Amino acid sequence: MMQYEKLLVGESEERIVYLARIGAIFERLYGIKDLHDAVYRASTGAGFAARRLAELGYSEEQVEKLLRERLLTALITGRSLPTTIGTS
């Protein structure tokens, strides 16, 4: 069984179709090859942003809060995460 298959356990068919549509959009917009590519890109971008925020003196809690807010905004709007701190 693949590592990510369990993520959909308990989800309704409607929710799975919705998530598949989101995946197809991101695949086309960003040329994402597969789930591993998507995970790699997300973790690389988040890691870079977290390091920069830490360098600027943000606490671990502040970094986590900012990344969660930015990720949610990016998912809702379909835009990528900003690479410059303090922008949207």
PDB file of N, CA and C in Angstrom:
ATOM      1  N   MET A   1       0.846  -1.188   0.000  1.00  0.00           N
ATOM      2  CA  MET A   1       0.000   0.000   0.000  1.00  0.00           C
ATOM      3  C   MET A   1       0.884   1.241   0.000  1.00  0.00           C
ATOM      4  N   MET A   2       0.511   2.198  -0.802  1.00  0.00           N
ATOM      5  CA  MET A   2       1.286   3.438  -0.873  1.00  0.00           C
ATOM      6  C   MET A   2       1.187   4.202   0.440  1.00  0.00           C
ATOM      7  N   GLN A   3       2.189   5.005   0.688  1.00  0.00           N
ATOM      8  CA  GLN A   3       2.288   5.780   1.915  1.00  0.00           C
ATOM      9  C   GLN A   3       1.104   6.731   2.111  1.00  0.00           C
ATOM     10  N   TYR A   4       0.532   7.267   1.046  1.00  0.00           N
ATOM     11  CA  TYR A   4      -0.493   8.299   1.156  1.00  0.00           C
ATOM     12  C   TYR A   4      -1.923   7.784   0.999  1.00  0.00           C
ATOM     13  N   GLU A   5      -2.099   6.511   0.714  1.00  0.00           N
ATOM     14  CA  GLU A   5      -3.440   5.977   0.493  1.00  0.00           C
ATOM     15  C   GLU A   5      -4.340   6.126   1.714  1.00  0.00           C
ATOM     16  N   LYS A   6      -3.782   6.021   2.889  1.00  0.00           N
ATOM     17  CA  LYS A   6      -4.577   6.098   4.113  1.00  0.00           C
ATOM     18  C   LYS A   6      -5.132   7.493   4.376  1.00  0.00           C
ATOM     19  N   LEU A   7      -4.609   8.489   3.687  1.00  0.00           N
ATOM     20  CA  LEU A   7      -5.091   9.855   3.885  1.00  0.00           C
ATOM     21  C   LEU A   7      -6.548  10.030   3.468  1.00  0.00           C
ATOM     22  N   LEU A   8      -7.038   9.188   2.581  1.00  0.00           N
ATOM     23  CA  LEU A   8      -8.405   9.322   2.077  1.00  0.00           C
ATOM     24  C   LEU A   8      -9.397   8.420   2.792  1.00  0.00           C
ATOM     25  N   VAL A   9      -8.922   7.588   3.715  1.00  0.00           N
ATOM     26  CA  VAL A   9      -9.821   6.690   4.438  1.00  0.00           C
ATOM     27  C   VAL A   9     -10.830   7.523   5.228  1.00  0.00           C
ATOM     28  N   GLY A  10     -12.095   7.197   5.060  1.00  0.00           N
ATOM     29  CA  GLY A  10     -13.148   7.898   5.783  1.00  0.00           C
ATOM     30  C   GLY A  10     -13.697   9.120   5.068  1.00  0.00           C
ATOM     31  N   GLU A  11     -13.078   9.508   3.955  1.00  0.00           N
ATOM     32  CA  GLU A  11     -13.568  10.655   3.203  1.00  0.00           C
ATOM     33  C   GLU A  11     -14.718  10.218   2.300  1.00  0.00           C
ATOM     34  N   SER A  12     -15.668  11.098   2.098  1.00  0.00           N
ATOM     35  CA  SER A  12     -16.790  10.794   1.218  1.00  0.00           C
ATOM     36  C   SER A  12     -16.326  10.796  -0.235  1.00  0.00           C
ATOM     37  N   GLU A  13     -17.100  10.151  -1.090  1.00  0.00           N
ATOM     38  CA  GLU A  13     -16.758  10.126  -2.514  1.00  0.00           C
ATOM     39  C   GLU A  13     -16.748  11.538  -3.076  1.00  0.00           C
ATOM     40  N   GLU A  14     -17.675  12.369  -2.634  1.00  0.00           N
ATOM     41  CA  GLU A  14     -17.738  13.759  -3.086  1.00  0.00           C
ATOM     42  C   GLU A  14     -16.455  14.510  -2.726  1.00  0.00           C
ATOM     43  N   ARG A  15     -15.972  14.305  -1.514  1.00  0.00           N
ATOM     44  CA  ARG A  15     -14.736  14.964  -1.055  1.00  0.00           C
ATOM     45  C   ARG A  15     -13.528  14.467  -1.857  1.00  0.00           C
ATOM     46  N   ILE A  16     -13.469  13.176  -2.151  1.00  0.00           N
ATOM     47  CA  ILE A  16     -12.360  12.618  -2.922  1.00  0.00           C
ATOM     48  C   ILE A  16     -12.345  13.197  -4.331  1.00  0.00           C
ATOM     49  N   VAL A  17     -13.510  13.323  -4.944  1.00  0.00           N
ATOM     50  CA  VAL A  17     -13.593  13.923  -6.283  1.00  0.00           C
ATOM     51  C   VAL A  17     -13.140  15.380  -6.228  1.00  0.00           C
ATOM     52  N   TYR A  18     -13.550  16.100  -5.202  1.00  0.00           N
ATOM     53  CA  TYR A  18     -13.156  17.496  -5.013  1.00  0.00           C
ATOM     54  C   TYR A  18     -11.634  17.605  -4.896  1.00  0.00           C
ATOM     55  N   LEU A  19     -11.031  16.753  -4.087  1.00  0.00           N
ATOM     56  CA  LEU A  19      -9.586  16.768  -3.912  1.00  0.00           C
ATOM     57  C   LEU A  19      -8.864  16.385  -5.205  1.00  0.00           C
ATOM     58  N   ALA A  20      -9.433  15.462  -5.961  1.00  0.00           N
ATOM     59  CA  ALA A  20      -8.846  15.070  -7.245  1.00  0.00           C
ATOM     60  C   ALA A  20      -8.858  16.247  -8.212  1.00  0.00           C
ATOM     61  N   ARG A  21      -9.922  17.023  -8.205  1.00  0.00           N
ATOM     62  CA  ARG A  21      -9.985  18.210  -9.074  1.00  0.00           C
ATOM     63  C   ARG A  21      -8.909  19.218  -8.688  1.00  0.00           C
ATOM     64  N   ILE A  22      -8.733  19.434  -7.388  1.00  0.00           N
ATOM     65  CA  ILE A  22      -7.679  20.347  -6.920  1.00  0.00           C
ATOM     66  C   ILE A  22      -6.321  19.835  -7.381  1.00  0.00           C
ATOM     67  N   GLY A  23      -6.099  18.533  -7.238  1.00  0.00           N
ATOM     68  CA  GLY A  23      -4.838  17.939  -7.670  1.00  0.00           C
ATOM     69  C   GLY A  23      -4.585  18.130  -9.153  1.00  0.00           C
ATOM     70  N   ALA A  24      -5.625  17.966  -9.963  1.00  0.00           N
ATOM     71  CA  ALA A  24      -5.485  18.137 -11.412  1.00  0.00           C
ATOM     72  C   ALA A  24      -5.138  19.584 -11.756  1.00  0.00           C
ATOM     73  N   ILE A  25      -5.729  20.524 -11.051  1.00  0.00           N
ATOM     74  CA  ILE A  25      -5.442  21.943 -11.290  1.00  0.00           C
ATOM     75  C   ILE A  25      -3.989  22.243 -10.964  1.00  0.00           C
ATOM     76  N   PHE A  26      -3.529  21.790  -9.788  1.00  0.00           N
ATOM     77  CA  PHE A  26      -2.145  22.043  -9.405  1.00  0.00           C
ATOM     78  C   PHE A  26      -1.171  21.333 -10.338  1.00  0.00           C
ATOM     79  N   GLU A  27      -1.533  20.145 -10.790  1.00  0.00           N
ATOM     80  CA  GLU A  27      -0.682  19.402 -11.718  1.00  0.00           C
ATOM     81  C   GLU A  27      -0.472  20.197 -12.999  1.00  0.00           C
ATOM     82  N   ARG A  28      -1.542  20.771 -13.523  1.00  0.00           N
ATOM     83  CA  ARG A  28      -1.442  21.550 -14.761  1.00  0.00           C
ATOM     84  C   ARG A  28      -0.768  22.892 -14.557  1.00  0.00           C
ATOM     85  N   LEU A  29      -1.114  23.585 -13.460  1.00  0.00           N
ATOM     86  CA  LEU A  29      -0.540  24.908 -13.216  1.00  0.00           C
ATOM     87  C   LEU A  29       0.962  24.857 -12.962  1.00  0.00           C
ATOM     88  N   TYR A  30       1.395  23.886 -12.190  1.00  0.00           N
ATOM     89  CA  TYR A  30       2.783  23.869 -11.737  1.00  0.00           C
ATOM     90  C   TYR A  30       3.606  22.726 -12.322  1.00  0.00           C
ATOM     91  N   GLY A  31       3.033  21.947 -13.225  1.00  0.00           N
ATOM     92  CA  GLY A  31       3.781  20.860 -13.840  1.00  0.00           C
ATOM     93  C   GLY A  31       4.206  19.794 -12.853  1.00  0.00           C
ATOM     94  N   ILE A  32       3.380  19.571 -11.856  1.00  0.00           N
ATOM     95  CA  ILE A  32       3.694  18.569 -10.839  1.00  0.00           C
ATOM     96  C   ILE A  32       3.555  17.184 -11.458  1.00  0.00           C
ATOM     97  N   LYS A  33       4.596  16.371 -11.295  1.00  0.00           N
ATOM     98  CA  LYS A  33       4.647  15.061 -11.939  1.00  0.00           C
ATOM     99  C   LYS A  33       3.841  13.999 -11.201  1.00  0.00           C
ATOM    100  N   ASP A  34       3.955  13.994  -9.886  1.00  0.00           N
ATOM    101  CA  ASP A  34       3.255  12.996  -9.083  1.00  0.00           C
ATOM    102  C   ASP A  34       3.173  13.485  -7.642  1.00  0.00           C
ATOM    103  N   LEU A  35       2.631  12.668  -6.784  1.00  0.00           N
ATOM    104  CA  LEU A  35       2.443  13.063  -5.383  1.00  0.00           C
ATOM    105  C   LEU A  35       3.775  13.311  -4.685  1.00  0.00           C
ATOM    106  N   HIS A  36       4.781  12.514  -4.996  1.00  0.00           N
ATOM    107  CA  HIS A  36       6.089  12.707  -4.375  1.00  0.00           C
ATOM    108  C   HIS A  36       6.687  14.055  -4.768  1.00  0.00           C
ATOM    109  N   ASP A  37       6.497  14.445  -6.022  1.00  0.00           N
ATOM    110  CA  ASP A  37       6.964  15.748  -6.492  1.00  0.00           C
ATOM    111  C   ASP A  37       6.249  16.866  -5.745  1.00  0.00           C
ATOM    112  N   ALA A  38       4.946  16.726  -5.562  1.00  0.00           N
ATOM    113  CA  ALA A  38       4.163  17.744  -4.848  1.00  0.00           C
ATOM    114  C   ALA A  38       4.630  17.874  -3.398  1.00  0.00           C
ATOM    115  N   VAL A  39       4.836  16.744  -2.735  1.00  0.00           N
ATOM    116  CA  VAL A  39       5.303  16.761  -1.341  1.00  0.00           C
ATOM    117  C   VAL A  39       6.681  17.408  -1.264  1.00  0.00           C
ATOM    118  N   TYR A  40       7.567  17.042  -2.184  1.00  0.00           N
ATOM    119  CA  TYR A  40       8.921  17.608  -2.193  1.00  0.00           C
ATOM    120  C   TYR A  40       8.879  19.127  -2.367  1.00  0.00           C
ATOM    121  N   ARG A  41       8.096  19.590  -3.331  1.00  0.00           N
ATOM    122  CA  ARG A  41       8.015  21.034  -3.587  1.00  0.00           C
ATOM    123  C   ARG A  41       7.445  21.784  -2.381  1.00  0.00           C
ATOM    124  N   ALA A  42       6.406  21.234  -1.786  1.00  0.00           N
ATOM    125  CA  ALA A  42       5.791  21.900  -0.627  1.00  0.00           C
ATOM    126  C   ALA A  42       6.754  21.955   0.549  1.00  0.00           C
ATOM    127  N   SER A  43       7.428  20.844   0.823  1.00  0.00           N
ATOM    128  CA  SER A  43       8.330  20.829   1.975  1.00  0.00           C
ATOM    129  C   SER A  43       9.570  21.681   1.740  1.00  0.00           C
ATOM    130  N   THR A  44      10.065  21.729   0.503  1.00  0.00           N
ATOM    131  CA  THR A  44      11.221  22.570   0.184  1.00  0.00           C
ATOM    132  C   THR A  44      10.870  24.040   0.359  1.00  0.00           C
ATOM    133  N   GLY A  45       9.721  24.449  -0.179  1.00  0.00           N
ATOM    134  CA  GLY A  45       9.297  25.848  -0.056  1.00  0.00           C
ATOM    135  C   GLY A  45       9.045  26.241   1.385  1.00  0.00           C
ATOM    136  N   ALA A  46       8.402  25.372   2.129  1.00  0.00           N
ATOM    137  CA  ALA A  46       8.115  25.666   3.540  1.00  0.00           C
ATOM    138  C   ALA A  46       9.407  25.710   4.347  1.00  0.00           C
ATOM    139  N   GLY A  47      10.335  24.819   4.037  1.00  0.00           N
ATOM    140  CA  GLY A  47      11.617  24.806   4.751  1.00  0.00           C
ATOM    141  C   GLY A  47      12.398  26.082   4.520  1.00  0.00           C
ATOM    142  N   PHE A  48      12.412  26.550   3.274  1.00  0.00           N
ATOM    143  CA  PHE A  48      13.101  27.803   2.954  1.00  0.00           C
ATOM    144  C   PHE A  48      12.476  28.969   3.715  1.00  0.00           C
ATOM    145  N   ALA A  49      11.160  29.048   3.670  1.00  0.00           N
ATOM    146  CA  ALA A  49      10.461  30.143   4.359  1.00  0.00           C
ATOM    147  C   ALA A  49      10.700  30.083   5.865  1.00  0.00           C
ATOM    148  N   ALA A  50      10.673  28.883   6.435  1.00  0.00           N
ATOM    149  CA  ALA A  50      10.895  28.735   7.884  1.00  0.00           C
ATOM    150  C   ALA A  50      12.301  29.188   8.265  1.00  0.00           C
ATOM    151  N   ARG A  51      13.300  28.822   7.483  1.00  0.00           N
ATOM    152  CA  ARG A  51      14.678  29.253   7.774  1.00  0.00           C
ATOM    153  C   ARG A  51      14.810  30.771   7.705  1.00  0.00           C
ATOM    154  N   ARG A  52      14.212  31.377   6.688  1.00  0.00           N
ATOM    155  CA  ARG A  52      14.289  32.833   6.556  1.00  0.00           C
ATOM    156  C   ARG A  52      13.602  33.533   7.731  1.00  0.00           C
ATOM    157  N   LEU A  53      12.437  33.041   8.123  1.00  0.00           N
ATOM    158  CA  LEU A  53      11.730  33.650   9.256  1.00  0.00           C
ATOM    159  C   LEU A  53      12.538  33.510  10.540  1.00  0.00           C
ATOM    160  N   ALA A  54      13.155  32.353  10.745  1.00  0.00           N
ATOM    161  CA  ALA A  54      13.982  32.145  11.931  1.00  0.00           C
ATOM    162  C   ALA A  54      15.174  33.101  11.928  1.00  0.00           C
ATOM    163  N   GLU A  55      15.771  33.304  10.765  1.00  0.00           N
ATOM    164  CA  GLU A  55      16.889  34.243  10.643  1.00  0.00           C
ATOM    165  C   GLU A  55      16.463  35.662  10.987  1.00  0.00           C
ATOM    166  N   LEU A  56      15.204  35.968  10.729  1.00  0.00           N
ATOM    167  CA  LEU A  56      14.683  37.306  11.026  1.00  0.00           C
ATOM    168  C   LEU A  56      14.224  37.450  12.473  1.00  0.00           C
ATOM    169  N   GLY A  57      14.372  36.373  13.271  1.00  0.00           N
ATOM    170  CA  GLY A  57      14.071  36.451  14.695  1.00  0.00           C
ATOM    171  C   GLY A  57      12.698  35.958  15.113  1.00  0.00           C
ATOM    172  N   TYR A  58      11.961  35.336  14.205  1.00  0.00           N
ATOM    173  CA  TYR A  58      10.646  34.802  14.554  1.00  0.00           C
ATOM    174  C   TYR A  58      10.810  33.539  15.402  1.00  0.00           C
ATOM    175  N   SER A  59       9.932  33.371  16.389  1.00  0.00           N
ATOM    176  CA  SER A  59       9.952  32.162  17.215  1.00  0.00           C
ATOM    177  C   SER A  59       9.380  30.990  16.427  1.00  0.00           C
ATOM    178  N   GLU A  60       9.594  29.771  16.925  1.00  0.00           N
ATOM    179  CA  GLU A  60       9.061  28.584  16.249  1.00  0.00           C
ATOM    180  C   GLU A  60       7.537  28.665  16.129  1.00  0.00           C
ATOM    181  N   GLU A  61       6.878  29.155  17.184  1.00  0.00           N
ATOM    182  CA  GLU A  61       5.421  29.272  17.161  1.00  0.00           C
ATOM    183  C   GLU A  61       4.960  30.280  16.116  1.00  0.00           C
ATOM    184  N   GLN A  62       5.667  31.408  16.013  1.00  0.00           N
ATOM    185  CA  GLN A  62       5.317  32.419  15.017  1.00  0.00           C
ATOM    186  C   GLN A  62       5.537  31.888  13.593  1.00  0.00           C
ATOM    187  N   VAL A  63       6.634  31.158  13.392  1.00  0.00           N
ATOM    188  CA  VAL A  63       6.918  30.579  12.081  1.00  0.00           C
ATOM    189  C   VAL A  63       5.808  29.621  11.690  1.00  0.00           C
ATOM    190  N   GLU A  64       5.441  28.738  12.605  1.00  0.00           N
ATOM    191  CA  GLU A  64       4.385  27.766  12.308  1.00  0.00           C
ATOM    192  C   GLU A  64       3.078  28.463  11.984  1.00  0.00           C
ATOM    193  N   LYS A  65       2.705  29.478  12.769  1.00  0.00           N
ATOM    194  CA  LYS A  65       1.456  30.207  12.533  1.00  0.00           C
ATOM    195  C   LYS A  65       1.464  30.884  11.160  1.00  0.00           C
ATOM    196  N   LEU A  66       2.557  31.547  10.822  1.00  0.00           N
ATOM    197  CA  LEU A  66       2.647  32.237   9.532  1.00  0.00           C
ATOM    198  C   LEU A  66       2.596  31.259   8.359  1.00  0.00           C
ATOM    199  N   LEU A  67       3.312  30.145   8.473  1.00  0.00           N
ATOM    200  CA  LEU A  67       3.303  29.172   7.384  1.00  0.00           C
ATOM    201  C   LEU A  67       1.922  28.559   7.198  1.00  0.00           C
ATOM    202  N   ARG A  68       1.241  28.269   8.302  1.00  0.00           N
ATOM    203  CA  ARG A  68      -0.119  27.721   8.193  1.00  0.00           C
ATOM    204  C   ARG A  68      -1.055  28.724   7.524  1.00  0.00           C
ATOM    205  N   GLU A  69      -0.967  29.995   7.924  1.00  0.00           N
ATOM    206  CA  GLU A  69      -1.817  31.024   7.319  1.00  0.00           C
ATOM    207  C   GLU A  69      -1.526  31.172   5.834  1.00  0.00           C
ATOM    208  N   ARG A  70      -0.254  31.202   5.465  1.00  0.00           N
ATOM    209  CA  ARG A  70       0.127  31.371   4.061  1.00  0.00           C
ATOM    210  C   ARG A  70      -0.277  30.160   3.234  1.00  0.00           C
ATOM    211  N   LEU A  71      -0.103  28.963   3.801  1.00  0.00           N
ATOM    212  CA  LEU A  71      -0.475  27.753   3.076  1.00  0.00           C
ATOM    213  C   LEU A  71      -1.974  27.735   2.821  1.00  0.00           C
ATOM    214  N   LEU A  72      -2.757  28.078   3.834  1.00  0.00           N
ATOM    215  CA  LEU A  72      -4.204  28.117   3.673  1.00  0.00           C
ATOM    216  C   LEU A  72      -4.597  29.132   2.612  1.00  0.00           C
ATOM    217  N   THR A  73      -3.989  30.317   2.648  1.00  0.00           N
ATOM    218  CA  THR A  73      -4.270  31.342   1.646  1.00  0.00           C
ATOM    219  C   THR A  73      -3.906  30.851   0.246  1.00  0.00           C
ATOM    220  N   ALA A  74      -2.752  30.185   0.128  1.00  0.00           N
ATOM    221  CA  ALA A  74      -2.315  29.678  -1.171  1.00  0.00           C
ATOM    222  C   ALA A  74      -3.279  28.621  -1.693  1.00  0.00           C
ATOM    223  N   LEU A  75      -3.754  27.754  -0.820  1.00  0.00           N
ATOM    224  CA  LEU A  75      -4.686  26.712  -1.239  1.00  0.00           C
ATOM    225  C   LEU A  75      -6.024  27.296  -1.671  1.00  0.00           C
ATOM    226  N   ILE A  76      -6.486  28.307  -0.949  1.00  0.00           N
ATOM    227  CA  ILE A  76      -7.784  28.907  -1.257  1.00  0.00           C
ATOM    228  C   ILE A  76      -7.730  29.697  -2.567  1.00  0.00           C
ATOM    229  N   THR A  77      -6.650  30.457  -2.764  1.00  0.00           N
ATOM    230  CA  THR A  77      -6.565  31.324  -3.939  1.00  0.00           C
ATOM    231  C   THR A  77      -5.930  30.649  -5.141  1.00  0.00           C
ATOM    232  N   GLY A  78      -5.243  29.517  -4.917  1.00  0.00           N
ATOM    233  CA  GLY A  78      -4.568  28.839  -6.013  1.00  0.00           C
ATOM    234  C   GLY A  78      -3.234  29.462  -6.377  1.00  0.00           C
ATOM    235  N   ARG A  79      -2.754  30.389  -5.541  1.00  0.00           N
ATOM    236  CA  ARG A  79      -1.457  31.020  -5.791  1.00  0.00           C
ATOM    237  C   ARG A  79      -0.379  30.269  -5.026  1.00  0.00           C
ATOM    238  N   SER A  80       0.855  30.394  -5.483  1.00  0.00           N
ATOM    239  CA  SER A  80       1.959  29.758  -4.778  1.00  0.00           C
ATOM    240  C   SER A  80       2.303  30.568  -3.536  1.00  0.00           C
ATOM    241  N   LEU A  81       3.056  29.948  -2.646  1.00  0.00           N
ATOM    242  CA  LEU A  81       3.499  30.645  -1.436  1.00  0.00           C
ATOM    243  C   LEU A  81       4.464  31.751  -1.818  1.00  0.00           C
ATOM    244  N   PRO A  82       4.363  32.912  -1.175  1.00  0.00           N
ATOM    245  CA  PRO A  82       5.271  33.999  -1.503  1.00  0.00           C
ATOM    246  C   PRO A  82       6.689  33.659  -1.051  1.00  0.00           C
ATOM    247  N   THR A  83       7.680  34.101  -1.800  1.00  0.00           N
ATOM    248  CA  THR A  83       9.066  33.867  -1.413  1.00  0.00           C
ATOM    249  C   THR A  83       9.616  35.033  -0.626  1.00  0.00           C
ATOM    250  N   THR A  84       8.926  36.155  -0.611  1.00  0.00           N
ATOM    251  CA  THR A  84       9.354  37.317   0.156  1.00  0.00           C
ATOM    252  C   THR A  84       8.463  37.433   1.378  1.00  0.00           C
ATOM    253  N   ILE A  85       9.078  37.524   2.527  1.00  0.00           N
ATOM    254  CA  ILE A  85       8.329  37.619   3.775  1.00  0.00           C
ATOM    255  C   ILE A  85       7.569  38.945   3.814  1.00  0.00           C
ATOM    256  N   GLY A  86       6.319  38.869   4.252  1.00  0.00           N
ATOM    257  CA  GLY A  86       5.517  40.072   4.384  1.00  0.00           C
ATOM    258  C   GLY A  86       4.727  40.429   3.146  1.00  0.00           C
ATOM    259  N   THR A  87       4.742  39.565   2.129  1.00  0.00           N
ATOM    260  CA  THR A  87       3.943  39.832   0.931  1.00  0.00           C
ATOM    261  C   THR A  87       2.904  38.742   0.779  1.00  0.00           C
ATOM    262  N   SER A  88       1.945  38.943  -0.114  1.00  0.00           N
ATOM    263  CA  SER A  88       0.953  37.900  -0.355  1.00  0.00           C
ATOM    264  C   SER A  88       0.922  37.524  -1.800  1.00  0.00           C
TER     265      SER A  88
END
